[in-house]
Protein backbone atom coordinates (compact mmCIF):
# COMPACT_ATOMS: atom_id res chain seq x y z
CA MET A 1 -65.26 -131.04 2.67
CA LEU A 2 -62.28 -128.77 2.80
CA GLY A 3 -61.85 -126.04 0.29
CA ALA A 4 -59.22 -128.07 -1.41
CA ASP A 5 -61.66 -130.92 -1.71
CA ALA A 6 -64.02 -128.37 -3.39
CA MET A 7 -61.61 -127.11 -5.72
CA ALA A 8 -60.93 -130.91 -7.03
CA LYS A 9 -64.64 -131.28 -7.18
CA CYS A 10 -65.00 -128.30 -9.37
CA LEU A 11 -62.61 -129.78 -11.88
CA GLU A 12 -64.43 -133.05 -11.95
CA GLU A 13 -67.70 -131.12 -12.67
CA GLU A 14 -66.16 -129.39 -15.53
CA GLY A 15 -64.82 -132.71 -16.97
CA VAL A 16 -61.08 -131.88 -16.58
CA GLU A 17 -59.15 -134.66 -17.75
CA ALA A 18 -55.48 -133.51 -16.75
CA VAL A 19 -53.88 -130.73 -14.93
CA PHE A 20 -50.34 -129.52 -15.65
CA GLY A 21 -48.21 -128.16 -12.81
CA TYR A 22 -45.71 -128.01 -10.21
CA PRO A 23 -46.34 -128.22 -6.38
CA GLY A 24 -45.43 -126.20 -3.60
CA VAL A 25 -46.40 -125.94 -0.05
CA ALA A 26 -49.06 -123.26 -0.69
CA ILE A 27 -50.88 -125.59 -3.29
CA CYS A 28 -50.19 -129.05 -1.48
CA PRO A 29 -53.85 -129.14 0.09
CA PHE A 30 -55.32 -129.01 -3.59
CA PHE A 31 -52.67 -131.76 -4.83
CA ASN A 32 -53.46 -133.68 -1.73
CA SER A 33 -57.27 -133.63 -2.55
CA MET A 34 -56.68 -134.55 -6.25
CA LEU A 35 -55.53 -137.98 -5.16
CA GLY A 36 -59.05 -138.79 -4.66
CA ASN A 37 -60.05 -138.28 -8.40
CA ASN A 38 -59.13 -139.62 -11.78
CA ILE A 39 -57.81 -136.37 -13.25
CA GLU A 40 -54.28 -136.91 -14.23
CA ARG A 41 -51.45 -134.81 -12.54
CA ILE A 42 -48.87 -134.12 -15.14
CA LEU A 43 -45.60 -132.86 -13.43
CA VAL A 44 -43.62 -130.34 -15.53
CA ARG A 45 -40.14 -129.21 -14.79
CA THR A 46 -40.71 -125.50 -14.63
CA GLU A 47 -43.94 -123.71 -14.33
CA GLN A 48 -43.81 -121.61 -17.42
CA ASN A 49 -44.17 -124.97 -19.19
CA ALA A 50 -47.28 -125.88 -17.36
CA ALA A 51 -49.17 -123.08 -19.03
CA HIS A 52 -47.76 -124.03 -22.56
CA ALA A 53 -48.76 -127.59 -22.12
CA ALA A 54 -52.17 -126.41 -20.92
CA ASN A 55 -52.14 -124.29 -24.04
CA GLY A 56 -51.32 -127.25 -26.55
CA TYR A 57 -54.14 -129.22 -24.78
CA ALA A 58 -56.78 -126.71 -24.96
CA ARG A 59 -56.00 -125.91 -28.74
CA VAL A 60 -56.25 -129.69 -29.81
CA SER A 61 -58.98 -130.81 -27.34
CA GLY A 62 -61.16 -127.57 -27.83
CA LYS A 63 -61.65 -127.68 -24.00
CA VAL A 64 -60.19 -125.39 -21.23
CA GLY A 65 -56.65 -126.18 -20.37
CA VAL A 66 -55.72 -126.30 -16.59
CA CYS A 67 -52.42 -125.55 -14.91
CA VAL A 68 -51.36 -125.12 -11.45
CA ALA A 69 -48.70 -123.68 -9.44
CA THR A 70 -47.71 -122.68 -6.03
CA SER A 71 -47.33 -119.08 -4.61
CA GLY A 72 -44.49 -116.66 -5.14
CA PRO A 73 -41.95 -117.89 -7.81
CA GLY A 74 -44.35 -120.75 -8.60
CA ALA A 75 -46.95 -118.32 -9.68
CA THR A 76 -44.62 -115.84 -11.18
CA ASN A 77 -43.06 -118.30 -13.33
CA LEU A 78 -46.32 -118.98 -14.70
CA ILE A 79 -46.67 -115.32 -16.03
CA THR A 80 -44.89 -115.85 -19.52
CA GLY A 81 -47.13 -118.96 -20.41
CA ILE A 82 -50.24 -116.91 -19.36
CA ALA A 83 -49.31 -114.00 -21.26
CA THR A 84 -48.70 -116.38 -24.30
CA ALA A 85 -52.10 -117.78 -24.09
CA TYR A 86 -53.80 -114.29 -23.73
CA ALA A 87 -52.05 -113.23 -27.00
CA ASP A 88 -53.31 -115.80 -28.75
CA SER A 89 -56.71 -116.18 -27.06
CA ILE A 90 -56.30 -119.68 -25.62
CA PRO A 91 -58.83 -120.71 -22.93
CA LEU A 92 -56.85 -121.58 -19.68
CA VAL A 93 -57.82 -121.77 -16.19
CA CYS A 94 -54.43 -121.08 -13.97
CA ILE A 95 -54.79 -121.97 -10.39
CA THR A 96 -52.08 -120.87 -8.01
CA GLY A 97 -51.59 -121.25 -4.19
CA GLN A 98 -51.30 -118.35 -2.07
CA VAL A 99 -49.84 -117.63 1.26
CA ASP A 100 -52.30 -117.47 4.25
CA SER A 101 -55.03 -114.74 3.89
CA SER A 102 -54.19 -113.12 7.25
CA LEU A 103 -50.60 -112.61 6.14
CA LEU A 104 -51.33 -110.95 2.76
CA GLY A 105 -49.66 -107.60 2.15
CA SER A 106 -46.96 -108.53 4.95
CA ASP A 107 -44.28 -109.63 2.59
CA VAL A 108 -43.81 -113.11 4.10
CA PHE A 109 -42.02 -115.88 2.50
CA GLN A 110 -43.15 -116.76 -1.13
CA GLU A 111 -45.87 -114.01 -1.16
CA ALA A 112 -46.56 -112.32 -4.52
CA ASP A 113 -49.34 -110.21 -5.65
CA ILE A 114 -50.07 -112.63 -8.69
CA THR A 115 -53.53 -111.32 -9.41
CA GLY A 116 -52.01 -107.86 -9.76
CA ALA A 117 -48.97 -109.07 -11.70
CA VAL A 118 -51.14 -110.52 -14.45
CA GLU A 119 -53.69 -107.96 -14.66
CA SER A 120 -52.81 -107.09 -18.25
CA PHE A 121 -52.56 -110.79 -19.37
CA VAL A 122 -55.89 -112.45 -18.31
CA LYS A 123 -59.48 -112.07 -19.10
CA TYR A 124 -60.13 -111.95 -15.45
CA SER A 125 -58.67 -113.06 -12.19
CA TYR A 126 -59.81 -113.91 -8.75
CA LEU A 127 -58.43 -114.09 -5.14
CA ILE A 128 -60.64 -116.37 -3.19
CA LYS A 129 -61.46 -114.86 0.15
CA LYS A 130 -64.31 -117.24 1.29
CA VAL A 131 -64.35 -120.97 1.08
CA GLU A 132 -68.14 -120.80 0.33
CA ASP A 133 -67.13 -118.88 -2.95
CA ILE A 134 -65.12 -121.92 -4.36
CA PRO A 135 -67.94 -123.44 -6.57
CA ARG A 136 -69.30 -120.13 -7.90
CA ILE A 137 -65.81 -118.83 -8.82
CA PHE A 138 -64.55 -122.00 -10.57
CA LYS A 139 -67.78 -122.23 -12.54
CA GLU A 140 -67.31 -118.48 -13.53
CA ALA A 141 -63.82 -118.88 -14.31
CA PHE A 142 -64.22 -121.87 -16.82
CA TYR A 143 -67.17 -119.97 -18.45
CA ILE A 144 -65.31 -116.71 -18.95
CA ALA A 145 -62.09 -118.73 -20.24
CA SER A 146 -64.29 -120.36 -22.96
CA THR A 147 -66.83 -118.03 -24.15
CA GLY A 148 -66.53 -114.93 -26.20
CA ARG A 149 -63.15 -114.06 -26.95
CA LYS A 150 -61.44 -117.07 -25.20
CA GLY A 151 -58.40 -116.49 -22.91
CA PRO A 152 -56.65 -117.42 -19.51
CA VAL A 153 -58.45 -116.81 -16.18
CA LEU A 154 -56.61 -116.93 -12.85
CA ILE A 155 -57.72 -118.22 -9.57
CA ASP A 156 -55.53 -117.45 -6.56
CA VAL A 157 -56.47 -119.59 -3.51
CA PRO A 158 -54.75 -118.96 -0.07
CA ILE A 159 -53.75 -121.76 1.68
CA ASP A 160 -56.08 -121.08 4.67
CA ILE A 161 -58.91 -120.99 2.38
CA GLN A 162 -57.80 -124.49 0.95
CA ASN A 163 -57.93 -125.88 4.43
CA ALA A 164 -61.15 -124.26 5.50
CA VAL A 165 -64.25 -126.34 5.91
CA LEU A 166 -67.05 -126.06 3.38
CA LYS A 167 -70.05 -127.32 4.81
CA ASN A 168 -72.42 -127.71 1.72
CA PHE A 169 -70.70 -128.22 -1.79
CA SER A 170 -73.27 -127.04 -4.77
CA TYR A 171 -71.91 -126.48 -8.26
CA PRO A 172 -73.93 -123.92 -10.06
CA GLU A 173 -75.52 -125.25 -13.05
CA GLU A 174 -75.30 -121.94 -15.02
CA VAL A 175 -73.43 -118.66 -14.96
CA ASN A 176 -75.03 -115.06 -15.01
CA LEU A 177 -72.61 -112.27 -14.89
CA ARG A 178 -74.35 -108.97 -15.31
CA THR A 179 -71.20 -107.16 -17.14
CA TYR A 180 -70.21 -110.14 -19.13
CA LYS A 181 -72.48 -111.00 -21.99
CA PRO A 182 -70.46 -111.94 -25.19
CA THR A 183 -71.97 -111.55 -28.45
CA VAL A 184 -72.67 -114.78 -30.27
CA LYS A 185 -75.23 -113.89 -32.98
CA GLY A 186 -74.22 -111.57 -35.77
CA HIS A 187 -76.44 -108.66 -36.45
CA ALA A 188 -78.64 -109.27 -39.42
CA VAL A 189 -78.28 -105.87 -40.84
CA GLN A 190 -74.47 -105.96 -40.92
CA ILE A 191 -74.43 -109.37 -42.38
CA LYS A 192 -76.64 -107.96 -45.28
CA LYS A 193 -74.40 -105.15 -45.63
CA VAL A 194 -71.42 -107.93 -45.98
CA PHE A 195 -73.30 -109.57 -48.99
CA ASP A 196 -74.45 -106.37 -50.38
CA ALA A 197 -70.57 -105.39 -50.52
CA LEU A 198 -69.60 -108.94 -52.03
CA LYS A 199 -72.20 -108.51 -54.80
CA LYS A 200 -70.46 -105.13 -55.80
CA ALA A 201 -66.94 -106.15 -55.34
CA LYS A 202 -64.65 -107.49 -58.24
CA LYS A 203 -61.69 -108.71 -56.19
CA PRO A 204 -62.74 -109.73 -52.55
CA ILE A 205 -60.41 -111.68 -50.46
CA ILE A 206 -60.84 -113.18 -47.03
CA CYS A 207 -58.04 -113.04 -44.36
CA ALA A 208 -58.48 -115.65 -41.97
CA GLY A 209 -57.08 -115.40 -38.38
CA GLY A 210 -56.87 -117.73 -35.43
CA GLY A 211 -60.26 -117.00 -34.46
CA VAL A 212 -61.71 -119.25 -37.41
CA ILE A 213 -59.74 -122.14 -35.65
CA LEU A 214 -60.58 -121.25 -32.27
CA SER A 215 -64.53 -121.20 -33.21
CA ASN A 216 -64.03 -124.58 -34.86
CA ALA A 217 -65.31 -122.79 -38.23
CA LYS A 218 -62.63 -124.43 -40.54
CA SER A 219 -65.15 -126.33 -42.31
CA GLU A 220 -67.67 -123.65 -42.64
CA LEU A 221 -64.80 -121.00 -43.92
CA ARG A 222 -63.88 -123.77 -46.68
CA GLU A 223 -67.50 -124.47 -47.63
CA PHE A 224 -68.16 -120.48 -47.80
CA SER A 225 -64.84 -119.95 -49.94
CA HIS A 226 -65.70 -122.80 -52.37
CA LYS A 227 -69.30 -122.19 -52.87
CA ASN A 228 -68.69 -118.51 -53.60
CA GLY A 229 -65.24 -118.78 -55.25
CA ILE A 230 -63.69 -116.30 -52.72
CA PRO A 231 -59.93 -116.51 -52.38
CA VAL A 232 -58.39 -116.80 -48.89
CA VAL A 233 -55.13 -115.75 -47.15
CA SER A 234 -54.33 -116.23 -43.49
CA THR A 235 -52.26 -114.73 -40.70
CA LEU A 236 -49.82 -116.55 -38.93
CA MET A 237 -52.15 -117.91 -36.39
CA GLY A 238 -54.69 -118.65 -39.26
CA ILE A 239 -52.55 -121.15 -40.84
CA GLY A 240 -54.48 -124.35 -41.14
CA ALA A 241 -57.85 -122.65 -41.36
CA MET A 242 -57.53 -123.75 -45.01
CA PRO A 243 -55.50 -126.63 -46.35
CA THR A 244 -52.13 -125.31 -47.76
CA ARG A 245 -52.73 -126.81 -51.23
CA ASP A 246 -56.31 -125.88 -51.33
CA PRO A 247 -56.67 -124.09 -54.90
CA LEU A 248 -58.31 -121.05 -53.26
CA TYR A 249 -55.63 -120.61 -50.54
CA TYR A 250 -52.88 -118.17 -51.32
CA GLY A 251 -50.74 -118.42 -48.08
CA MET A 252 -49.75 -116.37 -45.26
CA VAL A 253 -49.76 -112.52 -45.09
CA GLY A 254 -47.41 -110.25 -43.42
CA ASN A 255 -43.67 -109.45 -43.30
CA ASN A 256 -42.75 -113.24 -43.46
CA GLY A 257 -45.67 -114.18 -45.71
CA LYS A 258 -45.85 -115.04 -49.28
CA SER A 259 -45.26 -112.17 -51.51
CA TYR A 260 -48.22 -112.90 -53.64
CA ALA A 261 -50.61 -113.23 -50.61
CA ASN A 262 -49.72 -109.66 -49.62
CA LYS A 263 -50.18 -108.72 -53.39
CA ALA A 264 -53.52 -110.25 -53.21
CA MET A 265 -54.55 -108.47 -49.94
CA ASN A 266 -53.14 -105.08 -51.25
CA ASP A 267 -55.15 -105.34 -54.56
CA SER A 268 -58.42 -106.54 -53.36
CA ASP A 269 -61.38 -104.10 -53.50
CA LEU A 270 -63.19 -105.91 -50.48
CA LEU A 271 -60.91 -107.18 -47.56
CA ILE A 272 -62.88 -109.63 -45.26
CA MET A 273 -60.88 -109.88 -41.88
CA ILE A 274 -62.44 -112.97 -39.96
CA GLY A 275 -60.90 -113.70 -36.52
CA ALA A 276 -57.96 -111.73 -37.02
CA ARG A 277 -56.11 -108.51 -35.34
CA VAL A 278 -55.27 -105.89 -37.78
CA ALA A 279 -51.92 -106.23 -36.23
CA ASP A 280 -48.31 -105.43 -37.30
CA ARG A 281 -47.27 -108.84 -38.32
CA ALA A 282 -50.12 -109.29 -40.69
CA ILE A 283 -50.41 -105.73 -41.90
CA ALA A 284 -47.79 -103.38 -41.13
CA GLN A 285 -49.51 -100.16 -42.58
CA PRO A 286 -53.03 -100.94 -42.05
CA ASP A 287 -54.15 -97.40 -43.47
CA LEU A 288 -52.45 -97.98 -46.79
CA VAL A 289 -53.82 -101.50 -47.32
CA THR A 290 -57.54 -100.39 -46.59
CA GLU A 291 -57.00 -96.84 -48.45
CA ASN A 292 -58.94 -97.97 -51.75
CA THR A 293 -60.64 -101.12 -49.98
CA ILE A 294 -63.72 -101.81 -48.35
CA LEU A 295 -62.81 -103.46 -44.87
CA VAL A 296 -65.30 -106.05 -43.28
CA HIS A 297 -64.08 -106.96 -39.82
CA ILE A 298 -65.66 -109.94 -38.29
CA ASP A 299 -64.56 -110.74 -34.63
CA VAL A 300 -66.12 -111.96 -31.46
CA ASP A 301 -64.28 -109.42 -29.65
CA PRO A 302 -65.72 -105.89 -30.14
CA ALA A 303 -62.58 -104.08 -28.72
CA GLU A 304 -60.74 -105.57 -31.62
CA ILE A 305 -62.94 -104.05 -34.26
CA GLY A 306 -61.38 -100.53 -35.04
CA LYS A 307 -58.49 -100.83 -32.65
CA ASN A 308 -55.97 -100.30 -35.57
CA VAL A 309 -58.01 -99.30 -38.45
CA GLY A 310 -61.35 -98.36 -38.88
CA PRO A 311 -63.77 -101.02 -40.74
CA THR A 312 -66.26 -100.20 -43.31
CA ILE A 313 -68.53 -102.75 -41.95
CA PRO A 314 -67.97 -104.02 -38.39
CA LEU A 315 -69.68 -107.35 -37.55
CA VAL A 316 -69.32 -108.59 -34.07
CA GLY A 317 -70.08 -112.19 -33.35
CA ASP A 318 -68.78 -115.89 -33.14
CA ILE A 319 -67.53 -116.93 -36.26
CA LYS A 320 -69.14 -120.14 -36.56
CA SER A 321 -72.48 -118.65 -35.99
CA ILE A 322 -71.80 -116.04 -38.73
CA PHE A 323 -71.01 -118.37 -41.17
CA ASP A 324 -74.23 -120.32 -40.25
CA ASP A 325 -76.11 -117.10 -41.27
CA PHE A 326 -73.94 -116.62 -44.23
CA LYS A 327 -75.43 -119.88 -45.65
CA LYS A 328 -78.85 -118.37 -45.82
CA GLU A 329 -77.71 -115.63 -48.17
CA GLU A 330 -77.24 -116.06 -51.85
CA LEU A 331 -74.57 -114.44 -53.86
CA ASN A 332 -74.07 -115.64 -57.27
CA SER A 333 -71.22 -113.63 -58.09
CA ASP A 334 -68.37 -114.52 -60.52
CA TYR A 335 -64.82 -113.87 -59.36
CA SER A 336 -62.96 -116.26 -61.73
CA GLU A 337 -61.12 -113.38 -63.48
CA TRP A 338 -59.71 -112.35 -59.96
CA ILE A 339 -58.68 -115.81 -59.34
CA GLU A 340 -56.91 -116.04 -62.55
CA THR A 341 -55.13 -112.93 -61.61
CA LEU A 342 -54.03 -114.37 -58.17
CA ASN A 343 -52.90 -117.59 -59.76
CA LYS A 344 -50.65 -115.50 -61.93
CA TYR A 345 -49.13 -113.75 -59.01
CA ARG A 346 -48.51 -117.13 -57.47
CA GLU A 347 -47.09 -118.49 -60.36
CA ALA A 348 -44.79 -115.82 -61.02
CA GLU A 349 -42.98 -116.10 -57.38
CA LYS A 350 -39.40 -117.18 -58.17
CA PRO A 351 -37.53 -119.36 -55.49
CA ARG A 352 -35.15 -117.00 -53.58
CA ARG A 353 -33.32 -119.41 -51.43
CA LYS A 354 -29.68 -120.67 -52.42
CA PRO A 355 -28.90 -123.00 -49.57
CA ASP A 356 -25.32 -124.26 -48.97
CA GLU A 357 -25.33 -128.14 -50.09
CA LYS A 358 -23.01 -128.94 -47.27
CA TYR A 359 -26.02 -128.58 -44.62
CA VAL A 360 -29.61 -129.40 -44.45
CA ASP A 361 -31.82 -127.20 -46.29
CA PRO A 362 -34.58 -126.37 -43.77
CA ALA A 363 -37.16 -125.34 -46.23
CA VAL A 364 -36.85 -128.67 -48.22
CA PHE A 365 -36.72 -130.67 -45.18
CA ILE A 366 -40.20 -129.01 -43.66
CA THR A 367 -42.09 -129.56 -47.07
CA LYS A 368 -40.62 -133.51 -47.06
CA LEU A 369 -41.74 -133.96 -43.50
CA SER A 370 -45.12 -132.31 -44.17
CA GLU A 371 -45.71 -134.37 -47.14
CA LYS A 372 -44.87 -137.63 -45.25
CA MET A 373 -47.03 -136.65 -42.25
CA GLU A 374 -50.43 -138.14 -41.68
CA GLU A 375 -53.22 -136.31 -43.07
CA GLU A 376 -54.70 -135.36 -39.36
CA GLY A 377 -51.04 -134.62 -38.26
CA ILE A 378 -50.18 -131.79 -35.59
CA TYR A 379 -47.16 -129.79 -36.29
CA VAL A 380 -45.85 -127.51 -33.34
CA ALA A 381 -43.49 -124.77 -34.47
CA ASP A 382 -41.44 -122.85 -32.01
CA VAL A 383 -40.23 -119.31 -32.42
CA GLY A 384 -37.35 -117.97 -34.41
CA GLN A 385 -36.07 -118.99 -37.98
CA ASN A 386 -37.66 -122.37 -37.40
CA GLN A 387 -41.06 -120.68 -37.20
CA MET A 388 -40.53 -118.77 -40.32
CA TRP A 389 -39.48 -121.58 -42.23
CA SER A 390 -42.34 -123.73 -40.86
CA CYS A 391 -44.85 -120.91 -41.65
CA GLY A 392 -43.45 -120.64 -45.37
CA TYR A 393 -42.94 -124.56 -46.02
CA HIS A 394 -45.00 -126.49 -43.80
CA ILE A 395 -48.01 -128.33 -45.73
CA VAL A 396 -51.04 -128.40 -43.76
CA LYS A 397 -53.56 -131.12 -45.02
CA ASN A 398 -56.51 -131.71 -42.47
CA GLY A 399 -54.23 -131.42 -39.49
CA MET A 400 -53.38 -128.56 -37.17
CA PHE A 401 -50.18 -125.99 -37.07
CA LEU A 402 -49.58 -124.75 -33.66
CA THR A 403 -47.45 -121.66 -32.72
CA SER A 404 -46.89 -118.93 -30.42
CA GLY A 405 -48.08 -115.80 -32.33
CA GLY A 406 -48.99 -112.80 -30.63
CA MET A 407 -46.21 -113.05 -28.01
CA GLY A 408 -43.69 -115.14 -30.06
CA THR A 409 -42.56 -117.07 -27.06
CA MET A 410 -39.40 -119.22 -27.46
CA GLY A 411 -39.42 -122.65 -25.83
CA TYR A 412 -43.25 -123.13 -26.54
CA SER A 413 -43.21 -126.06 -29.06
CA ILE A 414 -42.08 -128.96 -26.81
CA PRO A 415 -44.40 -128.29 -23.87
CA ALA A 416 -47.45 -127.41 -26.06
CA ALA A 417 -46.63 -130.57 -28.03
CA ILE A 418 -46.72 -132.64 -24.77
CA GLY A 419 -50.14 -130.92 -24.06
CA ALA A 420 -51.38 -131.85 -27.44
CA ARG A 421 -50.33 -135.34 -26.98
CA ARG A 422 -52.43 -135.58 -23.81
CA ALA A 423 -55.41 -134.29 -25.79
CA ALA A 424 -54.80 -136.50 -28.74
CA LYS A 425 -53.30 -139.80 -27.86
CA ASP A 426 -53.62 -141.22 -31.23
CA ARG A 427 -52.53 -138.45 -33.64
CA GLN A 428 -49.04 -137.79 -35.10
CA ILE A 429 -47.49 -134.91 -33.14
CA ILE A 430 -44.13 -133.25 -34.36
CA ALA A 431 -42.28 -130.44 -32.50
CA VAL A 432 -39.94 -128.38 -34.41
CA CYS A 433 -37.66 -126.02 -32.81
CA GLY A 434 -34.24 -124.27 -32.99
CA ASP A 435 -31.07 -125.13 -30.83
CA GLY A 436 -32.03 -122.04 -28.89
CA SER A 437 -35.71 -122.53 -28.30
CA PHE A 438 -34.80 -126.27 -27.59
CA GLN A 439 -32.56 -125.34 -24.75
CA MET A 440 -35.36 -123.33 -23.26
CA SER A 441 -37.42 -126.31 -22.52
CA MET A 442 -35.30 -129.48 -23.09
CA MET A 443 -35.95 -130.12 -19.18
CA GLU A 444 -39.70 -131.29 -20.35
CA LEU A 445 -37.97 -134.19 -22.00
CA ALA A 446 -38.26 -135.68 -18.55
CA THR A 447 -42.05 -134.75 -18.48
CA MET A 448 -42.60 -136.68 -21.92
CA MET A 449 -40.87 -139.76 -20.43
CA GLN A 450 -42.35 -139.87 -16.90
CA HIS A 451 -45.82 -139.57 -18.28
CA GLY A 452 -45.66 -141.50 -21.68
CA LEU A 453 -46.55 -138.41 -23.65
CA PHE A 454 -44.24 -139.24 -26.59
CA ILE A 455 -43.80 -136.93 -29.44
CA LYS A 456 -41.15 -136.48 -32.29
CA ILE A 457 -38.87 -133.51 -31.92
CA VAL A 458 -37.00 -131.91 -34.91
CA VAL A 459 -34.03 -129.59 -33.79
CA PHE A 460 -32.63 -127.10 -36.13
CA HIS A 461 -28.79 -126.74 -35.14
CA ASN A 462 -27.10 -123.83 -36.50
CA GLY A 463 -25.10 -122.60 -33.23
CA TYR A 464 -26.70 -119.20 -33.23
CA LEU A 465 -30.02 -117.45 -32.00
CA GLY A 466 -30.66 -117.48 -35.88
CA LEU A 467 -33.35 -114.95 -36.45
CA VAL A 468 -31.67 -112.48 -34.14
CA ARG A 469 -28.47 -112.98 -35.73
CA GLU A 470 -30.09 -112.48 -39.32
CA TYR A 471 -31.45 -109.28 -37.78
CA GLN A 472 -28.08 -107.91 -36.55
CA TYR A 473 -26.66 -109.09 -40.03
CA ASN A 474 -29.16 -106.75 -41.80
CA THR A 475 -29.28 -104.05 -39.25
CA TYR A 476 -25.65 -103.89 -37.79
CA LYS A 477 -23.79 -105.12 -40.62
CA ALA A 478 -22.92 -108.39 -39.17
CA ASN A 479 -21.75 -106.95 -35.96
CA TYR A 480 -23.02 -109.87 -33.80
CA SER A 481 -23.85 -109.60 -30.12
CA VAL A 482 -24.88 -112.25 -27.78
CA VAL A 483 -26.30 -114.76 -30.31
CA ASP A 484 -23.38 -117.34 -30.45
CA LEU A 485 -24.71 -120.59 -28.84
CA SER A 486 -21.30 -121.98 -28.27
CA GLY A 487 -21.31 -124.34 -25.11
CA SER A 488 -24.45 -126.15 -25.95
CA PRO A 489 -24.65 -129.75 -25.27
CA ASP A 490 -24.55 -132.71 -27.68
CA PHE A 491 -28.21 -133.04 -28.30
CA CYS A 492 -28.30 -136.49 -29.27
CA LYS A 493 -26.31 -137.58 -26.16
CA LEU A 494 -28.72 -135.56 -24.11
CA GLY A 495 -31.89 -137.23 -25.71
CA GLU A 496 -30.38 -140.57 -25.24
CA ALA A 497 -29.76 -139.76 -21.66
CA TYR A 498 -33.55 -139.41 -21.27
CA GLY A 499 -33.94 -142.82 -23.10
CA ILE A 500 -35.07 -141.02 -26.29
CA LYS A 501 -33.73 -142.25 -29.78
CA CYS A 502 -31.66 -139.75 -31.75
CA VAL A 503 -30.30 -139.03 -35.26
CA ARG A 504 -28.20 -136.44 -36.32
CA VAL A 505 -28.45 -135.43 -40.09
CA SER A 506 -25.59 -133.40 -41.60
CA ASP A 507 -26.84 -132.82 -45.32
CA MET A 508 -29.52 -133.68 -47.65
CA GLN A 509 -28.02 -137.08 -48.68
CA GLY A 510 -30.65 -139.84 -48.14
CA ILE A 511 -32.91 -137.32 -46.43
CA ASP A 512 -36.20 -138.98 -47.44
CA GLU A 513 -35.16 -142.44 -45.86
CA LYS A 514 -34.30 -140.75 -42.82
CA ILE A 515 -37.52 -138.78 -42.65
CA ASP A 516 -39.25 -142.04 -43.11
CA GLU A 517 -37.41 -143.61 -40.29
CA PHE A 518 -38.02 -140.79 -38.01
CA ILE A 519 -41.90 -140.91 -38.66
CA SER A 520 -42.32 -144.51 -38.75
CA TYR A 521 -40.55 -145.08 -35.42
CA ASP A 522 -42.61 -146.24 -32.61
CA GLY A 523 -41.71 -144.11 -29.78
CA PRO A 524 -40.11 -140.97 -28.94
CA MET A 525 -37.48 -139.71 -31.24
CA LEU A 526 -35.26 -136.40 -31.71
CA MET A 527 -33.76 -135.59 -35.10
CA GLU A 528 -31.02 -133.11 -34.92
CA LEU A 529 -30.64 -131.28 -38.35
CA MET A 530 -27.18 -129.50 -39.00
CA ILE A 531 -28.11 -126.09 -40.54
CA ASP A 532 -25.97 -123.47 -42.22
CA PRO A 533 -24.99 -120.91 -39.48
CA MET A 534 -25.60 -118.07 -42.00
CA ASP A 535 -28.82 -119.51 -43.57
CA ARG A 536 -31.43 -116.75 -43.82
CA VAL A 537 -35.39 -117.27 -43.70
CA LYS A 538 -35.61 -116.04 -47.31
């Protein structure tokens, strides 16, 4: 077989169901070989969105997402999507075509050193130099992407390697990398230290990050929290680890989090960070938060532990495995007084929003939409004010909340929702974006229609890059610069041009009936909401 045939065969061996990509000459041999198998090839309209779609697919399916692009600009267009996945620890295998091996380094047409360009944004990258290496490299790539701290792996394949003859194809049964041995099992001594600290604590709290969800440990977290009466807050990426209305969940922490969640974390005497970076969006001044607090930091990536603040008790391992070990320990502590205090914090928070009644109130809309969504519904938020409103007002039941956290990439929600649809064809999926982020990915409406990957889309239309405008209002005394979105198209006409049903909502009158129509419609639908241009997140 040819090298390209071997590449396609490797994907079959890995159980890949779909690839998201955009062809070009340097990757044509691979796409030609893909005609001989049952793996779906989904054509996006720009390469960045191939990575975002693979990202959404990976997060919903629990499998490795696969995206493909050609050499040069095709590969470089993938970089933002790769960086987005890397920042949020999403497992991807990114395949790029490359110019002929003999021409590397000679600046020929559409040559780009993509392995060098993505060095900061991948777990590992390969430039395949021998056709015989294809099976081994693909096996390693999927293993590296999906183990330890998950993330993207890039495979760059010159066109001559794709066209070379591979005499014997043998796909490895296992991987043995001498320098890559991720820790799964938590150290027994450290686990005992955690429970010793819990027995002495009066005000413990768990801060759940995205690692809880990536490790498929949501049910274990909830069981542990309820069995021992330990309250939980979350980072942005940890939203959904606990149901929003769980009595032991106190919301998202950070600059845009709930004030009572931040107060709970600040007042705790034992902070257990699970699957979360101690990063600026969640904890702006980590040294102050941990000044009089014992910090337990649990993460599968040892490099994260102690990076921003030194933990009292570090614990490295896979979160699901660690929770399984936690079940073997007995605690028998009573934190009811602490819970009562936290409930008072929550009850004392006063509503701060005073929206203009002439427009749609995004906060109330999101809450109403959430309440009407299915139990297992998937809500995909973009970046900007819509993301902050979504974090604060979306109600997660037993579904999922997806967004771009670490990189904050605008234009994420629609392609990620399309990828999520490919992974979960029977679940309710709603993408929410602003009029700025919508215009960064509205070309993917064509992908949705072509491949029948129908989703519902909500567009908050305020005529501005809202979060930047809000920042300029606060920082530069309302001197606005390059945030006016005048010249935007009529979104409803645009949607209708793609054959998508659209509705424009100007105010809150009859909003429940309009949401019911939006949710119950059998097919793709776009709802445009007119938002006060001067509305702020809080």
